[in-house]
C-alpha atoms as a PDB file:
ATOM      1  CA  MET A   1       0.216  -0.080  -0.065  1.00  0.00           C
ATOM      2  CA  VAL A   2       1.572   2.992  -1.111  1.00  0.00           C
ATOM      3  CA  LEU A   3       1.195   6.642  -0.250  1.00  0.00           C
ATOM      4  CA  SER A   4       2.338   9.229  -2.984  1.00  0.00           C
ATOM      5  CA  GLN A   5       0.492  12.502  -1.874  1.00  0.00           C
ATOM      6  CA  PRO A   6      -0.914  13.099   1.723  1.00  0.00           C
ATOM      7  CA  ALA A   7      -4.510  13.626   1.596  1.00  0.00           C
ATOM      8  CA  PRO A   8      -7.339  13.013   4.158  1.00  0.00           C
ATOM      9  CA  ALA A   9      -8.144   9.968   5.267  1.00  0.00           C
ATOM     10  CA  GLU A  10     -11.416  10.000   4.167  1.00  0.00           C
ATOM     11  CA  THR A  11     -10.403   9.995   0.597  1.00  0.00           C
ATOM     12  CA  GLN A  12      -8.348   6.484   1.040  1.00  0.00           C
ATOM     13  CA  PRO A  13      -5.014   7.996  -0.222  1.00  0.00           C
ATOM     14  CA  LEU A  14      -3.000   4.579   0.133  1.00  0.00           C
ATOM     15  CA  LYS A  15      -3.231   2.942  -2.891  1.00  0.00           C
ATOM     16  CA  LEU A  16      -2.281  -0.908  -3.892  1.00  0.00           C
ATOM     17  CA  ALA A  17       0.544  -1.700  -5.814  1.00  0.00           C
ATOM     18  CA  ASP A  18       3.087  -4.450  -6.991  1.00  0.00           C
ATOM     19  CA  ARG A  19       6.970  -3.861  -6.575  1.00  0.00           C
ATOM     20  CA  ALA A  20       9.391  -6.696  -6.979  1.00  0.00           C
ATOM     21  CA  PRO A  21      11.089  -7.453  -3.842  1.00  0.00           C
ATOM     22  CA  GLY A  22      14.055  -5.818  -2.211  1.00  0.00           C
ATOM     23  CA  SER A  23      17.172  -8.159  -1.588  1.00  0.00           C
ATOM     24  CA  PRO A  24      18.951  -7.111   1.743  1.00  0.00           C
ATOM     25  CA  GLY A  25      22.235  -5.268   1.026  1.00  0.00           C
ATOM     26  CA  PRO A  26      25.547  -5.378   3.669  1.00  0.00           C
ATOM     27  CA  GLY A  27      24.236  -5.590   7.082  1.00  0.00           C
ATOM     28  CA  GLU A  28      20.646  -5.716   6.263  1.00  0.00           C
ATOM     29  CA  VAL A  29      17.611  -8.463   6.294  1.00  0.00           C
ATOM     30  CA  ALA A  30      14.631  -8.899   3.986  1.00  0.00           C
ATOM     31  CA  ILE A  31      11.098  -9.477   6.437  1.00  0.00           C
ATOM     32  CA  ASP A  32       8.408 -11.344   4.947  1.00  0.00           C
ATOM     33  CA  VAL A  33       5.509  -9.547   6.579  1.00  0.00           C
ATOM     34  CA  VAL A  34       2.630 -11.413   8.305  1.00  0.00           C
ATOM     35  CA  ALA A  35       1.245  -8.518  10.512  1.00  0.00           C
ATOM     36  CA  CYS A  36       1.937  -4.533  10.700  1.00  0.00           C
ATOM     37  CA  GLY A  37       0.271  -2.786  13.513  1.00  0.00           C
ATOM     38  CA  VAL A  38      -1.627   0.769  13.007  1.00  0.00           C
ATOM     39  CA  CYS A  39      -0.126   3.591  14.226  1.00  0.00           C
ATOM     40  CA  ARG A  40      -1.439   7.328  14.859  1.00  0.00           C
ATOM     41  CA  THR A  41       2.229   8.236  13.199  1.00  0.00           C
ATOM     42  CA  ASP A  42       0.735   6.393  10.401  1.00  0.00           C
ATOM     43  CA  LEU A  43      -2.480   8.849   9.948  1.00  0.00           C
ATOM     44  CA  HIS A  44       0.436  12.002  10.362  1.00  0.00           C
ATOM     45  CA  ILE A  45       1.944  10.867   7.433  1.00  0.00           C
ATOM     46  CA  LEU A  46      -0.919   9.861   5.398  1.00  0.00           C
ATOM     47  CA  GLU A  47      -2.701  13.360   5.884  1.00  0.00           C
ATOM     48  CA  GLY A  48       0.709  15.097   5.876  1.00  0.00           C
ATOM     49  CA  GLU A  49       1.035  16.519   9.550  1.00  0.00           C
ATOM     50  CA  VAL A  50       4.779  14.380   9.465  1.00  0.00           C
ATOM     51  CA  THR A  51       6.315  14.904   6.468  1.00  0.00           C
ATOM     52  CA  ALA A  52       7.774  11.691   4.557  1.00  0.00           C
ATOM     53  CA  HIS A  53       9.703  10.971   1.792  1.00  0.00           C
ATOM     54  CA  LEU A  54       7.106  10.384  -1.148  1.00  0.00           C
ATOM     55  CA  PRO A  55       6.305   7.817  -2.425  1.00  0.00           C
ATOM     56  CA  ILE A  56       6.570   5.575   0.885  1.00  0.00           C
ATOM     57  CA  VAL A  57       5.308   2.293   1.975  1.00  0.00           C
ATOM     58  CA  PRO A  58       4.074   3.135   5.231  1.00  0.00           C
ATOM     59  CA  GLY A  59       3.784   0.911   8.575  1.00  0.00           C
ATOM     60  CA  HIS A  60       6.487   0.770  11.201  1.00  0.00           C
ATOM     61  CA  GLN A  61       5.431  -1.855  13.736  1.00  0.00           C
ATOM     62  CA  ALA A  62       5.919  -4.967  11.122  1.00  0.00           C
ATOM     63  CA  ALA A  63       6.271  -8.371  12.204  1.00  0.00           C
ATOM     64  CA  GLY A  64       7.428 -11.706  10.370  1.00  0.00           C
ATOM     65  CA  ARG A  65      10.126 -14.450   9.641  1.00  0.00           C
ATOM     66  CA  ILE A  66      13.272 -13.463   8.120  1.00  0.00           C
ATOM     67  CA  ALA A  67      13.392 -14.079   4.620  1.00  0.00           C
ATOM     68  CA  ALA A  68      17.105 -13.624   3.963  1.00  0.00           C
ATOM     69  CA  VAL A  69      20.359 -11.876   5.422  1.00  0.00           C
ATOM     70  CA  GLY A  70      22.946  -9.632   4.039  1.00  0.00           C
ATOM     71  CA  PRO A  71      26.708  -9.748   3.971  1.00  0.00           C
ATOM     72  CA  GLY A  72      27.755  -9.019   7.970  1.00  0.00           C
ATOM     73  CA  VAL A  73      24.641 -10.103   9.943  1.00  0.00           C
ATOM     74  CA  THR A  74      24.908 -12.725  12.734  1.00  0.00           C
ATOM     75  CA  SER A  75      22.236 -11.206  14.531  1.00  0.00           C
ATOM     76  CA  LEU A  76      19.427 -12.818  13.082  1.00  0.00           C
ATOM     77  CA  ALA A  77      18.509 -16.242  10.870  1.00  0.00           C
ATOM     78  CA  VAL A  78      16.273 -16.892   8.034  1.00  0.00           C
ATOM     79  CA  GLU A  79      13.213 -17.953   9.885  1.00  0.00           C
ATOM     80  CA  ASP A  80      13.373 -15.985  12.662  1.00  0.00           C
ATOM     81  CA  LEU A  81      10.435 -14.211  13.836  1.00  0.00           C
ATOM     82  CA  ALA A  82      11.597 -10.971  14.264  1.00  0.00           C
ATOM     83  CA  GLY A  83      10.256  -7.076  13.676  1.00  0.00           C
ATOM     84  CA  VAL A  84      10.901  -3.127  13.088  1.00  0.00           C
ATOM     85  CA  GLY A  85       9.712  -0.388  14.803  1.00  0.00           C
ATOM     86  CA  TRP A  86       9.943   3.233  14.428  1.00  0.00           C
ATOM     87  CA  LEU A  87      13.705   3.970  14.246  1.00  0.00           C
ATOM     88  CA  ALA A  88      14.886   2.575  11.120  1.00  0.00           C
ATOM     89  CA  SER A  89      18.657   3.868  12.029  1.00  0.00           C
ATOM     90  CA  THR A  90      21.313   6.793  13.296  1.00  0.00           C
ATOM     91  CA  ASP A  91      24.532   8.108  12.907  1.00  0.00           C
ATOM     92  CA  GLN A  92      25.845   6.275  15.570  1.00  0.00           C
ATOM     93  CA  THR A  93      28.452   9.244  15.956  1.00  0.00           C
ATOM     94  CA  CYS A  94      26.824  12.420  17.077  1.00  0.00           C
ATOM     95  CA  ARG A  95      26.688  13.978  20.657  1.00  0.00           C
ATOM     96  CA  PHE A  96      23.503  11.914  20.885  1.00  0.00           C
ATOM     97  CA  CYS A  97      24.372   8.490  19.795  1.00  0.00           C
ATOM     98  CA  ARG A  98      27.550   8.690  22.286  1.00  0.00           C
ATOM     99  CA  SER A  99      25.847   9.970  25.249  1.00  0.00           C
ATOM    100  CA  GLY A 100      23.084   6.723  24.978  1.00  0.00           C
ATOM    101  CA  ARG A 101      20.227   9.231  23.288  1.00  0.00           C
ATOM    102  CA  GLU A 102      20.155   7.718  20.072  1.00  0.00           C
ATOM    103  CA  ASN A 103      16.388   8.372  19.987  1.00  0.00           C
ATOM    104  CA  LEU A 104      17.282  12.390  19.932  1.00  0.00           C
ATOM    105  CA  CYS A 105      19.224  11.634  16.525  1.00  0.00           C
ATOM    106  CA  GLU A 106      19.442  14.652  14.097  1.00  0.00           C
ATOM    107  CA  GLN A 107      20.536  12.480  11.466  1.00  0.00           C
ATOM    108  CA  ALA A 108      17.711   9.422  12.211  1.00  0.00           C
ATOM    109  CA  THR A 109      15.801   7.946   9.942  1.00  0.00           C
ATOM    110  CA  PHE A 110      11.910   6.477  10.237  1.00  0.00           C
ATOM    111  CA  THR A 111      10.514   3.124   8.878  1.00  0.00           C
ATOM    112  CA  GLY A 112       7.673   3.921   7.211  1.00  0.00           C
ATOM    113  CA  ARG A 113       8.707   7.573   6.661  1.00  0.00           C
ATOM    114  CA  ASP A 114      12.283   7.304   5.162  1.00  0.00           C
ATOM    115  CA  ARG A 115      12.336   4.029   4.014  1.00  0.00           C
ATOM    116  CA  ASP A 116       9.689   1.755   3.190  1.00  0.00           C
ATOM    117  CA  GLY A 117       7.720   0.045   5.855  1.00  0.00           C
ATOM    118  CA  GLY A 118       5.330  -2.712   6.406  1.00  0.00           C
ATOM    119  CA  TYR A 119       2.062  -2.296   4.280  1.00  0.00           C
ATOM    120  CA  ALA A 120       3.514  -4.796   2.623  1.00  0.00           C
ATOM    121  CA  GLN A 121       4.249  -8.435   1.671  1.00  0.00           C
ATOM    122  CA  HIS A 122       7.936  -7.748   2.584  1.00  0.00           C
ATOM    123  CA  LEU A 123      10.325  -5.298   3.975  1.00  0.00           C
ATOM    124  CA  VAL A 124      14.175  -5.005   3.935  1.00  0.00           C
ATOM    125  CA  ALA A 125      15.905  -3.451   7.079  1.00  0.00           C
ATOM    126  CA  ASP A 126      18.799  -2.568   8.671  1.00  0.00           C
ATOM    127  CA  ALA A 127      19.290  -5.537  10.672  1.00  0.00           C
ATOM    128  CA  ARG A 128      20.860  -3.165  13.971  1.00  0.00           C
ATOM    129  CA  TRP A 129      17.349  -1.912  14.154  1.00  0.00           C
ATOM    130  CA  VAL A 130      15.483  -5.770  14.334  1.00  0.00           C
ATOM    131  CA  TYR A 131      14.526  -7.091  16.889  1.00  0.00           C
ATOM    132  CA  ARG A 132      13.655 -10.297  17.352  1.00  0.00           C
ATOM    133  CA  LEU A 133      10.296 -11.233  19.151  1.00  0.00           C
ATOM    134  CA  PRO A 134       9.625 -13.238  22.387  1.00  0.00           C
ATOM    135  CA  ASP A 135       8.908 -16.572  22.187  1.00  0.00           C
ATOM    136  CA  GLY A 136       5.364 -17.413  22.070  1.00  0.00           C
ATOM    137  CA  PHE A 137       3.900 -13.915  20.767  1.00  0.00           C
ATOM    138  CA  ALA A 138       2.496 -14.737  17.453  1.00  0.00           C
ATOM    139  CA  ALA A 139       2.987 -11.948  14.662  1.00  0.00           C
ATOM    140  CA  ASP A 140      -0.225 -10.128  15.235  1.00  0.00           C
ATOM    141  CA  GLN A 141       0.407  -9.766  18.961  1.00  0.00           C
ATOM    142  CA  ALA A 142       3.912  -9.018  18.654  1.00  0.00           C
ATOM    143  CA  ALA A 143       3.257  -6.422  16.144  1.00  0.00           C
ATOM    144  CA  PRO A 144       1.473  -3.513  18.497  1.00  0.00           C
ATOM    145  CA  LEU A 145       4.772  -4.118  20.730  1.00  0.00           C
ATOM    146  CA  LEU A 146       7.401  -2.529  18.419  1.00  0.00           C
ATOM    147  CA  CYS A 147       5.893   0.930  18.288  1.00  0.00           C
ATOM    148  CA  ALA A 148       2.822   1.656  20.435  1.00  0.00           C
ATOM    149  CA  GLY A 149       4.484  -0.522  23.526  1.00  0.00           C
ATOM    150  CA  ILE A 150       7.690   0.145  23.318  1.00  0.00           C
ATOM    151  CA  ILE A 151       7.164   4.144  23.024  1.00  0.00           C
ATOM    152  CA  GLY A 152       4.742   3.911  26.079  1.00  0.00           C
ATOM    153  CA  TYR A 153       7.245   2.023  28.231  1.00  0.00           C
ATOM    154  CA  ARG A 154       9.499   4.361  27.404  1.00  0.00           C
ATOM    155  CA  SER A 155       6.572   7.595  27.870  1.00  0.00           C
ATOM    156  CA  LEU A 156       6.227   5.391  31.680  1.00  0.00           C
ATOM    157  CA  LYS A 157       9.608   5.847  32.413  1.00  0.00           C
ATOM    158  CA  LEU A 158       9.937   9.674  31.609  1.00  0.00           C
ATOM    159  CA  SER A 159       6.904   9.736  33.944  1.00  0.00           C
ATOM    160  CA  GLY A 160       8.548   8.903  36.882  1.00  0.00           C
ATOM    161  CA  ILE A 161       6.187   7.082  38.245  1.00  0.00           C
ATOM    162  CA  GLN A 162       7.396   4.403  40.414  1.00  0.00           C
ATOM    163  CA  PRO A 163       5.446   1.233  41.654  1.00  0.00           C
ATOM    164  CA  GLY A 164       2.467   1.075  44.053  1.00  0.00           C
ATOM    165  CA  GLY A 165       2.085   4.898  42.610  1.00  0.00           C
ATOM    166  CA  LYS A 166      -1.177   6.588  41.482  1.00  0.00           C
ATOM    167  CA  LEU A 167      -0.835   6.875  37.437  1.00  0.00           C
ATOM    168  CA  GLY A 168      -2.888   8.709  35.013  1.00  0.00           C
ATOM    169  CA  LEU A 169      -3.648   7.620  31.160  1.00  0.00           C
ATOM    170  CA  PHE A 170      -4.625  10.501  29.173  1.00  0.00           C
ATOM    171  CA  GLY A 171      -6.288   9.152  25.930  1.00  0.00           C
ATOM    172  CA  PHE A 172      -6.706   4.672  26.018  1.00  0.00           C
ATOM    173  CA  GLY A 173      -5.772   4.219  22.752  1.00  0.00           C
ATOM    174  CA  ALA A 174      -3.252   1.262  20.954  1.00  0.00           C
ATOM    175  CA  SER A 175      -0.060   2.404  23.221  1.00  0.00           C
ATOM    176  CA  ALA A 176      -2.041   3.138  26.444  1.00  0.00           C
ATOM    177  CA  HIS A 177      -3.756  -0.305  26.592  1.00  0.00           C
ATOM    178  CA  LEU A 178      -0.107  -1.994  26.518  1.00  0.00           C
ATOM    179  CA  ALA A 179       1.616   0.586  28.962  1.00  0.00           C
ATOM    180  CA  ILE A 180      -1.608  -0.016  31.400  1.00  0.00           C
ATOM    181  CA  GLN A 181      -0.257  -4.160  31.338  1.00  0.00           C
ATOM    182  CA  VAL A 182       2.983  -2.389  32.297  1.00  0.00           C
ATOM    183  CA  ALA A 183       1.805   0.058  35.059  1.00  0.00           C
ATOM    184  CA  LEU A 184      -0.394  -2.768  36.644  1.00  0.00           C
ATOM    185  CA  SER A 185       3.203  -5.687  36.999  1.00  0.00           C
ATOM    186  CA  TRP A 186       4.521  -2.691  38.790  1.00  0.00           C
ATOM    187  CA  ASN A 187       0.814  -2.575  41.109  1.00  0.00           C
ATOM    188  CA  CYS A 188       0.561   0.687  39.830  1.00  0.00           C
ATOM    189  CA  ARG A 189      -3.188   2.303  40.684  1.00  0.00           C
ATOM    190  CA  VAL A 190      -4.386   3.479  37.288  1.00  0.00           C
ATOM    191  CA  TYR A 191      -6.647   6.258  36.466  1.00  0.00           C
ATOM    192  CA  ALA A 192      -7.795   6.374  32.651  1.00  0.00           C
ATOM    193  CA  PHE A 193      -9.014   9.595  31.010  1.00  0.00           C
ATOM    194  CA  THR A 194     -10.742   9.391  27.829  1.00  0.00           C
ATOM    195  CA  ARG A 195     -13.663  10.881  25.720  1.00  0.00           C
ATOM    196  CA  GLU A 196     -15.123   7.730  24.131  1.00  0.00           C
ATOM    197  CA  GLU A 197     -16.726   4.828  26.654  1.00  0.00           C
ATOM    198  CA  ILE A 198     -15.907   1.977  24.088  1.00  0.00           C
ATOM    199  CA  HIS A 199     -11.803   3.003  25.300  1.00  0.00           C
ATOM    200  CA  ARG A 200     -13.239   3.929  29.029  1.00  0.00           C
ATOM    201  CA  ASN A 201     -14.541   0.134  29.552  1.00  0.00           C
ATOM    202  CA  LEU A 202     -11.682  -1.524  27.882  1.00  0.00           C
ATOM    203  CA  ALA A 203      -9.571   0.588  30.858  1.00  0.00           C
ATOM    204  CA  ARG A 204     -11.561  -0.590  33.303  1.00  0.00           C
ATOM    205  CA  GLU A 205     -11.527  -4.012  32.350  1.00  0.00           C
ATOM    206  CA  MET A 206      -8.192  -4.105  31.690  1.00  0.00           C
ATOM    207  CA  GLY A 207      -7.722  -3.229  35.714  1.00  0.00           C
ATOM    208  CA  ALA A 208      -7.710   0.916  35.793  1.00  0.00           C
ATOM    209  CA  VAL A 209      -9.169   2.096  39.281  1.00  0.00           C
ATOM    210  CA  TRP A 210     -11.306   4.371  37.382  1.00  0.00           C
ATOM    211  CA  SER A 211     -11.850   5.431  34.064  1.00  0.00           C
ATOM    212  CA  GLY A 212     -13.678   8.946  32.933  1.00  0.00           C
ATOM    213  CA  ASP A 213     -14.011  11.993  30.557  1.00  0.00           C
ATOM    214  CA  THR A 214     -10.675  13.569  30.039  1.00  0.00           C
ATOM    215  CA  PHE A 215     -11.750  16.478  32.286  1.00  0.00           C
ATOM    216  CA  ASP A 216     -13.176  14.465  35.104  1.00  0.00           C
ATOM    217  CA  ASP A 217     -11.619  14.998  38.268  1.00  0.00           C
ATOM    218  CA  PRO A 218     -10.838  11.265  39.511  1.00  0.00           C
ATOM    219  CA  GLY A 219     -10.733  12.670  43.533  1.00  0.00           C
ATOM    220  CA  VAL A 220      -6.993  11.956  43.660  1.00  0.00           C
ATOM    221  CA  ALA A 221      -3.666  13.795  43.101  1.00  0.00           C
ATOM    222  CA  LEU A 222      -1.503  11.759  40.758  1.00  0.00           C
ATOM    223  CA  ASP A 223       1.762  11.063  40.967  1.00  0.00           C
ATOM    224  CA  ALA A 224       2.670  11.231  37.054  1.00  0.00           C
ATOM    225  CA  ALA A 225       0.626  11.135  34.220  1.00  0.00           C
ATOM    226  CA  VAL A 226       1.336  10.010  29.810  1.00  0.00           C
ATOM    227  CA  THR A 227      -0.828  11.614  27.627  1.00  0.00           C
ATOM    228  CA  PHE A 228      -1.710   9.806  24.488  1.00  0.00           C
ATOM    229  CA  ALA A 229      -4.024  12.319  22.560  1.00  0.00           C
ATOM    230  CA  PRO A 230      -2.776  14.385  20.233  1.00  0.00           C
ATOM    231  CA  ALA A 231      -4.509  17.510  21.557  1.00  0.00           C
ATOM    232  CA  GLY A 232      -2.948  20.505  23.524  1.00  0.00           C
ATOM    233  CA  GLU A 233      -5.693  20.476  25.694  1.00  0.00           C
ATOM    234  CA  VAL A 234      -5.161  17.392  27.015  1.00  0.00           C
ATOM    235  CA  VAL A 235      -1.674  18.094  28.301  1.00  0.00           C
ATOM    236  CA  LEU A 236      -3.426  20.610  30.481  1.00  0.00           C
ATOM    237  CA  ALA A 237      -6.065  18.332  31.603  1.00  0.00           C
ATOM    238  CA  ALA A 238      -3.284  16.205  32.702  1.00  0.00           C
ATOM    239  CA  LEU A 239      -1.153  18.829  34.537  1.00  0.00           C
ATOM    240  CA  GLU A 240      -4.329  19.825  36.624  1.00  0.00           C
ATOM    241  CA  ARG A 241      -4.502  16.329  38.223  1.00  0.00           C
ATOM    242  CA  LEU A 242      -0.650  16.149  39.013  1.00  0.00           C
ATOM    243  CA  ASP A 243       0.337  16.372  42.623  1.00  0.00           C
ATOM    244  CA  ARG A 244       3.150  18.428  43.239  1.00  0.00           C
ATOM    245  CA  GLY A 245       6.529  17.197  42.292  1.00  0.00           C
ATOM    246  CA  ALA A 246       4.974  15.154  39.256  1.00  0.00           C
ATOM    247  CA  THR A 247       5.673  14.842  35.990  1.00  0.00           C
ATOM    248  CA  VAL A 248       3.417  14.317  32.443  1.00  0.00           C
ATOM    249  CA  ALA A 249       5.065  12.957  29.778  1.00  0.00           C
ATOM    250  CA  VAL A 250       3.685  13.931  26.469  1.00  0.00           C
ATOM    251  CA  ASN A 251       3.493  11.107  23.856  1.00  0.00           C
ATOM    252  CA  ALA A 252       2.896  12.576  20.530  1.00  0.00           C
ATOM    253  CA  ILE A 253       5.094  13.242  17.311  1.00  0.00           C
ATOM    254  CA  HIS A 254       2.529  15.795  16.112  1.00  0.00           C
ATOM    255  CA  MET A 255      -0.163  17.496  18.307  1.00  0.00           C
ATOM    256  CA  ALA A 256      -2.106  20.641  17.926  1.00  0.00           C
ATOM    257  CA  SER A 257      -1.033  23.705  20.030  1.00  0.00           C
ATOM    258  CA  LEU A 258      -1.367  23.881  23.979  1.00  0.00           C
ATOM    259  CA  PRO A 259      -3.292  26.354  25.050  1.00  0.00           C
ATOM    260  CA  PRO A 260      -2.107  28.897  27.591  1.00  0.00           C
ATOM    261  CA  ILE A 261      -1.116  27.504  31.630  1.00  0.00           C
ATOM    262  CA  PRO A 262      -1.721  28.617  34.173  1.00  0.00           C
ATOM    263  CA  TYR A 263       1.528  29.528  36.336  1.00  0.00           C
ATOM    264  CA  GLU A 264      -0.358  27.814  39.142  1.00  0.00           C
ATOM    265  CA  ARG A 265      -0.731  24.766  37.474  1.00  0.00           C
ATOM    266  CA  LEU A 266       2.402  24.082  36.646  1.00  0.00           C
ATOM    267  CA  TYR A 267       4.099  25.494  40.084  1.00  0.00           C
ATOM    268  CA  GLY A 268       5.086  22.956  42.829  1.00  0.00           C
ATOM    269  CA  GLU A 269       7.769  21.795  40.780  1.00  0.00           C
ATOM    270  CA  ARG A 270       5.562  20.049  37.985  1.00  0.00           C
ATOM    271  CA  VAL A 271       7.037  19.036  34.993  1.00  0.00           C
ATOM    272  CA  ILE A 272       6.158  18.698  31.003  1.00  0.00           C
ATOM    273  CA  SER A 273       7.858  16.044  29.438  1.00  0.00           C
ATOM    274  CA  SER A 274       8.177  15.453  25.860  1.00  0.00           C
ATOM    275  CA  VAL A 275       8.353  11.743  24.658  1.00  0.00           C
ATOM    276  CA  MET A 276      10.692  11.395  21.503  1.00  0.00           C
ATOM    277  CA  ASN A 277      11.209   8.029  19.518  1.00  0.00           C
ATOM    278  CA  TYR A 278      13.038   5.640  21.730  1.00  0.00           C
ATOM    279  CA  THR A 279      16.269   3.471  22.101  1.00  0.00           C
ATOM    280  CA  ARG A 280      17.390   0.292  21.050  1.00  0.00           C
ATOM    281  CA  ALA A 281      17.750  -0.428  24.607  1.00  0.00           C
ATOM    282  CA  ASP A 282      13.950   0.487  25.282  1.00  0.00           C
ATOM    283  CA  ALA A 283      13.091  -1.912  22.388  1.00  0.00           C
ATOM    284  CA  ILE A 284      15.010  -4.665  23.991  1.00  0.00           C
ATOM    285  CA  GLU A 285      13.956  -3.833  27.839  1.00  0.00           C
ATOM    286  CA  PHE A 286      10.120  -3.802  26.920  1.00  0.00           C
ATOM    287  CA  LEU A 287      10.569  -6.916  24.260  1.00  0.00           C
ATOM    288  CA  GLU A 288      12.345  -8.968  27.789  1.00  0.00           C
ATOM    289  CA  LEU A 289       9.235  -7.554  29.927  1.00  0.00           C
ATOM    290  CA  SER A 290       6.463  -8.034  27.501  1.00  0.00           C
ATOM    291  CA  ALA A 291       7.206 -11.826  27.768  1.00  0.00           C
ATOM    292  CA  ARG A 292       7.956 -11.833  31.390  1.00  0.00           C
ATOM    293  CA  ILE A 293       4.383 -10.337  32.402  1.00  0.00           C
ATOM    294  CA  PRO A 294       3.031 -11.258  29.837  1.00  0.00           C
ATOM    295  CA  VAL A 295       1.826  -8.107  27.567  1.00  0.00           C
ATOM    296  CA  HIS A 296      -0.966  -8.926  25.436  1.00  0.00           C
ATOM    297  CA  ALA A 297      -2.352  -6.901  22.369  1.00  0.00           C
ATOM    298  CA  GLN A 298      -6.023  -6.618  22.233  1.00  0.00           C
ATOM    299  CA  VAL A 299      -6.323  -6.634  18.154  1.00  0.00           C
ATOM    300  CA  GLU A 300      -8.464  -5.565  15.649  1.00  0.00           C
ATOM    301  CA  GLU A 301      -7.612  -7.326  12.208  1.00  0.00           C
ATOM    302  CA  PHE A 302      -7.622  -5.722   8.261  1.00  0.00           C
ATOM    303  CA  ALA A 303      -6.618  -7.232   5.163  1.00  0.00           C
ATOM    304  CA  LEU A 304      -3.731  -5.337   3.992  1.00  0.00           C
ATOM    305  CA  GLU A 305      -5.838  -3.908   1.141  1.00  0.00           C
ATOM    306  CA  ASP A 306      -8.010  -2.467   3.964  1.00  0.00           C
ATOM    307  CA  ALA A 307      -5.424  -0.184   5.122  1.00  0.00           C
ATOM    308  CA  ASN A 308      -7.019   2.770   4.452  1.00  0.00           C
ATOM    309  CA  GLN A 309      -9.943   1.585   6.499  1.00  0.00           C
ATOM    310  CA  ALA A 310      -8.375   1.233   9.107  1.00  0.00           C
ATOM    311  CA  LEU A 311      -6.594   4.080   9.607  1.00  0.00           C
ATOM    312  CA  LEU A 312      -9.550   5.867   9.112  1.00  0.00           C
ATOM    313  CA  ARG A 313     -11.210   3.939  12.481  1.00  0.00           C
ATOM    314  CA  VAL A 314      -8.063   4.856  13.935  1.00  0.00           C
ATOM    315  CA  LYS A 315      -9.054   8.606  13.995  1.00  0.00           C
ATOM    316  CA  ARG A 316     -12.317   8.014  14.736  1.00  0.00           C
ATOM    317  CA  GLY A 317     -11.237   6.842  17.552  1.00  0.00           C
ATOM    318  CA  GLN A 318     -13.142   3.698  16.986  1.00  0.00           C
ATOM    319  CA  VAL A 319     -10.725   0.546  17.136  1.00  0.00           C
ATOM    320  CA  ARG A 320     -10.750  -0.922  20.738  1.00  0.00           C
ATOM    321  CA  GLY A 321      -6.933  -1.490  21.486  1.00  0.00           C
ATOM    322  CA  ALA A 322      -4.570  -1.871  18.593  1.00  0.00           C
ATOM    323  CA  ALA A 323      -5.570  -2.271  15.034  1.00  0.00           C
ATOM    324  CA  VAL A 324      -3.277  -4.765  12.696  1.00  0.00           C
ATOM    325  CA  LEU A 325      -2.959  -5.603   8.981  1.00  0.00           C
ATOM    326  CA  THR A 326      -2.580  -8.757   8.590  1.00  0.00           C
ATOM    327  CA  VAL A 327      -0.426  -9.712   5.465  1.00  0.00           C
END
């Protein structure tokens, strides 16, 4: 499924196309895709809110079997169940990479934005950013872990939530429904804030002690919060619920402008922290943790050729859990 020109999701801008499968070069692997998660970032690329090198095959949560390995690859073998996420490469030499912050690399490239991604039967990726998937995970279950899961995990870490703490999740889609499982494994009390009743119900089913609308008051001060909704006013809503000294981590690659923030809402050493990409260490930690918990994705499946429909349902907030294309 190829995007040649950004357009509203309602116009179905992705087009089905036949392409010859690529061959892996030095340090690369080829993957026969079995499933690919549908991310809100894909929607931002589709509609032009995040720029991409067009034409592009979107998709950065692709899970499948290694079909071929290029020269020099020893970390993966043919038939391994593996997957790729958002980060496709970094320069590994800049000040950020050298200090363990490759997620901030200014020369980073991204799957489904700079190189063709997983809305396809086949993709080629740099083996250094391909992850062997946990034993016992089917590809459709593993696919949402590769971005929604990893970035949600990094967001939890940046929020500073501690075991047993009171955590607010603002928005309850693909990423939040995975993050809650990590938080519950840390014995956190989770409060879910979301507009859609289907998402509030899912949060309660998954173990949230409370769920309500974005601007509702749960009656407690939160030790930390993560926002997933791409609306600036949600950050303000989260800030309103924080205890002193607490942090709200903003999990969004693109969002509407923040409204004016009255200083008294920030006062008390409250912190707003953005979340940008993730590191390979984050990915490895989260995938290992996912196997131990184990994390289970609630999946709504679509055929590859129905990618436009899947993205439209994501845009409208109609997916309960994560949307996944099955190839």
